[in-house]
Amino acid sequence: MAMPDQDPAPTGESGVIEMLRAAGEVDPNRLDFPPVRNGVDYLVSVVDHLTAEGDRDPRDLKYAVLHLQAAAEVLLKARLVREHWSLVFTDPGKATRETFETSTLTSCGVPATAERLRNIAGVDVTTADDKALKDLAHDRNALQHFGLTRDAAAVEARAGRVLDFLVRFLDDVLLPDLSMEEVAAIASDMNRIRDGLSTIHAFVTERMRRLKHELAGHEDRTVACPTCGQLAMVADGSTNRCHFCNTDESNTVLMVGLLIQSLNDPGVRVRACPQCQKETLVDGARLASEPGPVSFCFGCATRITDTAPDAPGEPQ
């Protein structure tokens, strides 16, 4: 209840806007997007493009990727600036307050930002989160500079993983330090983002449900697809086809990608198979028939149990 000498506080979304405008924080004639609000606005655009009704327009996927990358960059750097403004420079040792305040700096990329958040600010960015961010950066760079050809389902699944991370990042890291007014200003947008994320997850779940009959009987050689992340890639000893996103990779191409992944993921290792002698044995592979990571040979198209004692994911 309002005090006798006070006007009642405004309620609802329009009331919040009225309250913020009265405080001088919202001006309809002025472009005003502080970092967190700016990042959230990009996320609204992402879910709008990914959940548009009717047939999917390729432009929707294009702008979803571009705006998701922009959101990740803005939101991660917002937390890095809280730690110290110099940390967003490519080379913090050459940071100056003037270039920061005039926005003329050369800033670090998303992977470097995530690494600094983890190592300097103590923010929990898991290996899976880091991979999702790097996959997104790869998609964005390919799309922006060279053009991108990829199955729509793969783009949506990959986007869903980054959206998951960014919503958690907002909830756990950014929103607790905002003022009540700042949180209120983005509340309706956050609800819209959560609803959109639920729709995207529902799409992935329904697609995987429809694929169950195609994958039935192949669980012992169905692995996680490196493109879309779903347990839907069936290995046959020479080629590997994902039934979710239609990625079709030879062992040679797949091993190159996994070798690159292993450089940043200590849980994954590629080595020679003791059974077929080919360099196609992957320690730390996800297999549909197993609850945890295993050693799987793509040359034999089977799980290998006589692994090296220090193989990731295997008992010592």
Protein backbone atom coordinates (compact mmCIF):
# COMPACT_ATOMS: atom_id res chain seq x y z
CA MET A 1 0.00 0.00 0.00
CA ALA A 2 1.30 3.47 -0.92
CA MET A 3 2.13 5.90 1.87
CA PRO A 4 -0.46 8.72 2.23
CA ASP A 5 1.89 11.35 0.79
CA GLN A 6 2.93 9.20 -2.22
CA ASP A 7 1.31 8.39 -5.52
CA PRO A 8 0.67 4.68 -6.05
CA ALA A 9 3.53 2.92 -7.82
CA PRO A 10 2.76 2.16 -11.50
CA THR A 11 2.09 -1.49 -12.27
CA GLY A 12 2.38 -3.69 -15.36
CA GLU A 13 4.78 -3.26 -18.29
CA SER A 14 3.40 0.17 -19.23
CA GLY A 15 3.74 1.22 -15.61
CA VAL A 16 7.37 0.15 -15.54
CA ILE A 17 8.11 2.16 -18.69
CA GLU A 18 6.33 5.14 -17.16
CA MET A 19 8.38 4.79 -14.00
CA LEU A 20 11.66 4.58 -15.92
CA ARG A 21 10.77 7.49 -18.18
CA ALA A 22 9.94 9.58 -15.14
CA ALA A 23 13.37 8.73 -13.77
CA GLY A 24 14.96 9.90 -17.02
CA GLU A 25 16.10 6.38 -18.04
CA VAL A 26 13.85 5.90 -21.08
CA ASP A 27 13.53 8.47 -23.83
CA PRO A 28 11.44 7.40 -26.86
CA ASN A 29 13.34 9.86 -29.04
CA ARG A 30 16.79 8.61 -28.10
CA LEU A 31 18.67 5.42 -28.98
CA ASP A 32 19.49 4.04 -25.55
CA PHE A 33 20.62 0.43 -25.22
CA PRO A 34 22.89 -0.19 -22.22
CA PRO A 35 24.92 -3.41 -22.63
CA VAL A 36 22.61 -5.91 -20.91
CA ARG A 37 19.45 -4.45 -22.43
CA ASN A 38 21.20 -4.40 -25.80
CA GLY A 39 22.19 -8.08 -25.50
CA VAL A 40 18.69 -9.08 -24.42
CA ASP A 41 17.25 -7.19 -27.40
CA TYR A 42 19.48 -9.23 -29.73
CA LEU A 43 18.20 -12.42 -28.06
CA VAL A 44 14.60 -11.35 -28.67
CA SER A 45 15.47 -11.01 -32.34
CA VAL A 46 17.05 -14.47 -32.32
CA VAL A 47 13.98 -16.23 -30.92
CA ASP A 48 11.69 -14.23 -33.21
CA HIS A 49 13.66 -15.41 -36.24
CA LEU A 50 13.89 -19.03 -35.05
CA THR A 51 10.25 -19.35 -34.03
CA ALA A 52 8.64 -17.52 -36.96
CA GLU A 53 5.41 -19.21 -38.07
CA GLY A 54 5.09 -20.82 -41.48
CA ASP A 55 7.86 -22.07 -43.74
CA ARG A 56 11.33 -21.17 -42.51
CA ASP A 57 12.91 -18.39 -44.54
CA PRO A 58 16.70 -18.88 -44.87
CA ARG A 59 17.04 -15.19 -43.94
CA ASP A 60 15.56 -16.03 -40.54
CA LEU A 61 18.41 -18.46 -39.88
CA LYS A 62 20.96 -15.98 -41.20
CA TYR A 63 19.91 -13.20 -38.86
CA ALA A 64 19.44 -15.60 -35.97
CA VAL A 65 23.11 -16.59 -36.23
CA LEU A 66 24.33 -13.00 -36.64
CA HIS A 67 22.24 -11.63 -33.78
CA LEU A 68 23.06 -14.56 -31.48
CA GLN A 69 26.77 -13.89 -31.96
CA ALA A 70 26.16 -10.19 -31.26
CA ALA A 71 24.23 -11.08 -28.08
CA ALA A 72 26.99 -13.38 -26.85
CA GLU A 73 29.62 -10.72 -27.43
CA VAL A 74 27.67 -7.94 -25.73
CA LEU A 75 26.57 -9.96 -22.69
CA LEU A 76 29.89 -11.69 -22.00
CA LYS A 77 31.79 -8.41 -22.30
CA ALA A 78 29.30 -6.70 -19.99
CA ARG A 79 30.49 -9.03 -17.21
CA LEU A 80 34.14 -8.66 -18.19
CA VAL A 81 33.87 -4.86 -17.92
CA ARG A 82 32.52 -5.29 -14.38
CA GLU A 83 35.73 -7.13 -13.52
CA HIS A 84 37.84 -4.36 -15.09
CA TRP A 85 37.30 -2.26 -18.20
CA SER A 86 40.78 -2.98 -19.56
CA LEU A 87 40.01 -6.70 -19.92
CA VAL A 88 37.86 -6.19 -23.03
CA PHE A 89 40.85 -4.89 -25.01
CA THR A 90 42.58 -7.36 -27.32
CA ASP A 91 45.77 -6.40 -25.50
CA PRO A 92 44.88 -5.18 -21.97
CA GLY A 93 48.45 -3.94 -21.56
CA LYS A 94 47.78 -1.24 -24.16
CA ALA A 95 44.39 -0.20 -22.77
CA THR A 96 43.67 3.47 -22.20
CA ARG A 97 40.65 4.99 -20.53
CA GLU A 98 40.13 7.39 -23.44
CA THR A 99 39.81 4.66 -26.08
CA PHE A 100 37.47 2.73 -23.80
CA GLU A 101 35.18 5.67 -23.11
CA THR A 102 35.08 6.74 -26.78
CA SER A 103 34.49 3.13 -27.93
CA THR A 104 37.45 3.27 -30.32
CA LEU A 105 39.17 0.21 -28.84
CA THR A 106 39.93 -3.07 -30.56
CA SER A 107 38.21 -5.62 -28.32
CA CYS A 108 38.80 -9.32 -27.80
CA GLY A 109 36.62 -11.94 -29.50
CA VAL A 110 34.02 -14.14 -27.83
CA PRO A 111 36.34 -17.15 -27.24
CA ALA A 112 38.94 -14.92 -25.57
CA THR A 113 36.22 -13.18 -23.56
CA ALA A 114 34.93 -16.54 -22.28
CA GLU A 115 38.47 -17.61 -21.40
CA ARG A 116 39.11 -14.41 -19.43
CA LEU A 117 35.78 -14.74 -17.61
CA ARG A 118 36.72 -18.26 -16.56
CA ASN A 119 40.36 -17.64 -15.67
CA ILE A 120 40.22 -14.10 -14.25
CA ALA A 121 36.65 -13.44 -13.10
CA GLY A 122 35.96 -17.00 -11.92
CA VAL A 123 32.77 -17.30 -13.99
CA ASP A 124 31.71 -20.87 -14.69
CA VAL A 125 32.04 -21.41 -18.46
CA THR A 126 32.04 -25.16 -19.01
CA THR A 127 33.79 -27.04 -21.81
CA ALA A 128 30.40 -27.64 -23.43
CA ASP A 129 29.50 -23.93 -23.19
CA ASP A 130 32.87 -22.99 -24.62
CA LYS A 131 32.42 -25.37 -27.57
CA ALA A 132 28.92 -24.02 -28.26
CA LEU A 133 30.29 -20.46 -28.33
CA LYS A 134 33.15 -21.45 -30.65
CA ASP A 135 30.75 -23.29 -32.98
CA LEU A 136 28.60 -20.17 -33.11
CA ALA A 137 31.62 -17.95 -33.84
CA HIS A 138 32.59 -20.29 -36.67
CA ASP A 139 29.07 -20.15 -38.15
CA ARG A 140 28.96 -16.37 -37.85
CA ASN A 141 32.37 -15.87 -39.49
CA ALA A 142 31.52 -18.25 -42.31
CA LEU A 143 28.20 -16.53 -42.88
CA GLN A 144 29.57 -13.00 -42.66
CA HIS A 145 32.65 -13.46 -44.82
CA PHE A 146 32.32 -16.56 -46.97
CA GLY A 147 28.68 -17.66 -46.95
CA LEU A 148 27.27 -20.58 -44.98
CA THR A 149 25.51 -23.69 -46.25
CA ARG A 150 24.14 -25.80 -43.43
CA ASP A 151 21.00 -27.76 -42.62
CA ALA A 152 18.42 -25.58 -40.88
CA ALA A 153 17.94 -28.16 -38.13
CA ALA A 154 21.66 -28.03 -37.28
CA VAL A 155 21.61 -24.24 -37.04
CA GLU A 156 18.58 -24.33 -34.76
CA ALA A 157 20.05 -27.02 -32.49
CA ARG A 158 23.37 -25.20 -32.19
CA ALA A 159 21.59 -21.91 -31.53
CA GLY A 160 19.53 -23.57 -28.80
CA ARG A 161 22.69 -24.57 -26.93
CA VAL A 162 24.06 -21.02 -26.98
CA LEU A 163 20.67 -19.60 -25.99
CA ASP A 164 20.60 -22.03 -23.06
CA PHE A 165 23.99 -20.80 -21.92
CA LEU A 166 23.19 -17.09 -22.33
CA VAL A 167 19.89 -17.35 -20.42
CA ARG A 168 21.74 -19.09 -17.58
CA PHE A 169 24.48 -16.45 -17.80
CA LEU A 170 21.91 -13.70 -17.51
CA ASP A 171 20.11 -15.36 -14.59
CA ASP A 172 23.20 -16.34 -12.62
CA VAL A 173 25.78 -13.68 -13.48
CA LEU A 174 24.31 -10.48 -14.91
CA LEU A 175 20.79 -9.95 -13.57
CA PRO A 176 21.65 -10.25 -9.83
CA ASP A 177 23.83 -7.11 -10.10
CA LEU A 178 21.28 -4.98 -11.97
CA SER A 179 19.01 -2.49 -10.25
CA MET A 180 15.34 -3.36 -9.80
CA GLU A 181 14.46 -0.81 -12.48
CA GLU A 182 16.91 -2.34 -14.96
CA VAL A 183 15.54 -5.83 -14.34
CA ALA A 184 11.97 -4.57 -14.72
CA ALA A 185 12.83 -2.91 -18.03
CA ILE A 186 13.84 -6.25 -19.60
CA ALA A 187 11.39 -8.54 -17.77
CA SER A 188 8.93 -8.92 -20.66
CA ASP A 189 11.78 -9.53 -23.11
CA MET A 190 13.23 -12.23 -20.84
CA ASN A 191 9.85 -13.98 -20.73
CA ARG A 192 9.70 -13.81 -24.52
CA ILE A 193 13.18 -15.33 -24.78
CA ARG A 194 12.32 -18.17 -22.37
CA ASP A 195 9.15 -18.97 -24.32
CA GLY A 196 11.13 -19.01 -27.56
CA LEU A 197 13.79 -21.25 -26.06
CA SER A 198 11.09 -23.71 -24.97
CA THR A 199 9.77 -23.75 -28.54
CA ILE A 200 13.25 -24.47 -29.92
CA HIS A 201 13.79 -27.29 -27.42
CA ALA A 202 10.37 -28.70 -28.33
CA PHE A 203 11.40 -28.70 -32.01
CA VAL A 204 14.59 -30.63 -31.23
CA THR A 205 12.77 -33.09 -28.96
CA GLU A 206 10.02 -33.76 -31.51
CA ARG A 207 12.52 -34.25 -34.34
CA MET A 208 14.51 -36.73 -32.26
CA ARG A 209 11.29 -38.56 -31.36
CA ARG A 210 10.44 -38.93 -35.05
CA LEU A 211 13.93 -40.32 -35.73
CA LYS A 212 13.69 -43.08 -33.12
CA HIS A 213 12.53 -45.71 -35.62
CA GLU A 214 15.36 -44.79 -38.04
CA LEU A 215 17.98 -45.12 -35.32
CA ALA A 216 16.52 -48.20 -33.64
CA GLY A 217 18.96 -51.11 -33.71
CA HIS A 218 21.96 -48.86 -34.40
CA GLU A 219 22.40 -47.49 -30.86
CA ASP A 220 25.82 -49.17 -30.43
CA ARG A 221 27.22 -47.16 -33.37
CA THR A 222 25.18 -43.97 -33.08
CA VAL A 223 27.37 -41.10 -31.88
CA ALA A 224 26.92 -37.41 -31.14
CA CYS A 225 27.06 -35.38 -34.35
CA PRO A 226 29.81 -32.73 -34.21
CA THR A 227 27.66 -30.38 -36.29
CA CYS A 228 24.32 -30.37 -34.43
CA GLY A 229 25.34 -32.12 -31.19
CA GLN A 230 22.49 -34.66 -31.32
CA LEU A 231 22.94 -38.41 -30.76
CA ALA A 232 21.91 -39.14 -34.31
CA MET A 233 25.06 -39.79 -36.37
CA VAL A 234 25.38 -43.43 -37.45
CA ALA A 235 28.92 -44.66 -38.20
CA ASP A 236 29.41 -47.43 -40.77
CA GLY A 237 33.20 -47.74 -40.77
CA SER A 238 33.95 -45.25 -43.53
CA THR A 239 31.21 -42.61 -43.64
CA ASN A 240 29.11 -41.08 -40.90
CA ARG A 241 25.63 -39.71 -41.53
CA CYS A 242 23.59 -37.66 -39.07
CA HIS A 243 19.88 -38.36 -39.35
CA PHE A 244 19.04 -35.13 -37.49
CA CYS A 245 20.87 -32.55 -39.63
CA ASN A 246 21.89 -34.66 -42.66
CA THR A 247 25.61 -34.06 -42.16
CA ASP A 248 27.51 -36.73 -44.09
CA GLU A 249 31.21 -36.92 -43.22
CA SER A 250 33.98 -39.31 -44.20
CA ASN A 251 36.18 -40.63 -41.42
CA THR A 252 39.04 -38.45 -42.67
CA VAL A 253 37.06 -35.22 -42.44
CA LEU A 254 35.49 -36.22 -39.13
CA MET A 255 38.87 -37.06 -37.55
CA VAL A 256 40.30 -33.67 -38.55
CA GLY A 257 37.40 -31.94 -36.78
CA LEU A 258 37.75 -34.13 -33.69
CA LEU A 259 41.51 -33.55 -33.55
CA ILE A 260 40.86 -29.79 -33.54
CA GLN A 261 38.24 -30.26 -30.81
CA SER A 262 40.67 -32.30 -28.72
CA LEU A 263 43.06 -29.33 -28.56
CA ASN A 264 40.54 -27.48 -26.38
CA ASP A 265 38.69 -30.38 -24.79
CA PRO A 266 40.76 -32.62 -22.50
CA GLY A 267 37.91 -35.16 -22.48
CA VAL A 268 38.41 -35.98 -26.17
CA ARG A 269 41.42 -37.70 -27.73
CA VAL A 270 42.05 -39.25 -31.14
CA ARG A 271 44.57 -42.09 -31.43
CA ALA A 272 45.35 -45.39 -33.14
CA CYS A 273 42.88 -48.22 -32.64
CA PRO A 274 44.43 -51.40 -31.16
CA GLN A 275 41.99 -53.45 -33.25
CA CYS A 276 42.22 -51.96 -36.78
CA GLN A 277 45.40 -49.88 -36.31
CA LYS A 278 43.76 -46.83 -37.92
CA GLU A 279 43.96 -43.37 -36.33
CA THR A 280 40.20 -43.40 -35.86
CA LEU A 281 39.76 -44.29 -32.19
CA VAL A 282 38.16 -41.48 -30.20
CA ASP A 283 38.35 -41.46 -26.41
CA GLY A 284 35.54 -39.44 -24.87
CA ALA A 285 32.95 -40.17 -27.58
CA ARG A 286 29.24 -40.04 -26.74
CA LEU A 287 27.37 -43.17 -27.78
CA ALA A 288 23.59 -43.63 -27.80
CA SER A 289 23.86 -47.03 -26.09
CA GLU A 290 26.04 -45.80 -23.19
CA PRO A 291 25.31 -43.37 -20.34
CA GLY A 292 28.77 -41.81 -20.31
CA PRO A 293 31.77 -41.13 -22.58
CA VAL A 294 33.42 -44.17 -24.16
CA SER A 295 36.19 -45.07 -26.60
CA PHE A 296 34.72 -45.58 -30.05
CA CYS A 297 36.54 -46.48 -33.25
CA PHE A 298 35.06 -44.96 -36.39
CA GLY A 299 37.14 -47.33 -38.53
CA CYS A 300 35.70 -50.40 -36.80
CA ALA A 301 32.36 -48.68 -36.11
CA THR A 302 32.37 -50.18 -32.63
CA ARG A 303 33.19 -49.44 -29.03
CA ILE A 304 36.71 -50.47 -28.00
CA THR A 305 37.22 -51.59 -24.41
CA ASP A 306 40.97 -52.36 -24.30
CA THR A 307 41.90 -48.67 -24.17
CA ALA A 308 45.02 -47.03 -22.79
CA PRO A 309 44.97 -46.70 -18.96
CA ASP A 310 44.80 -42.89 -19.10
CA ALA A 311 42.06 -42.68 -21.72
CA PRO A 312 39.59 -39.87 -20.87
CA GLY A 313 36.29 -41.16 -19.58
CA GLU A 314 37.59 -44.68 -18.95
CA PRO A 315 38.33 -46.22 -15.53
CA GLN A 316 41.93 -46.24 -14.45
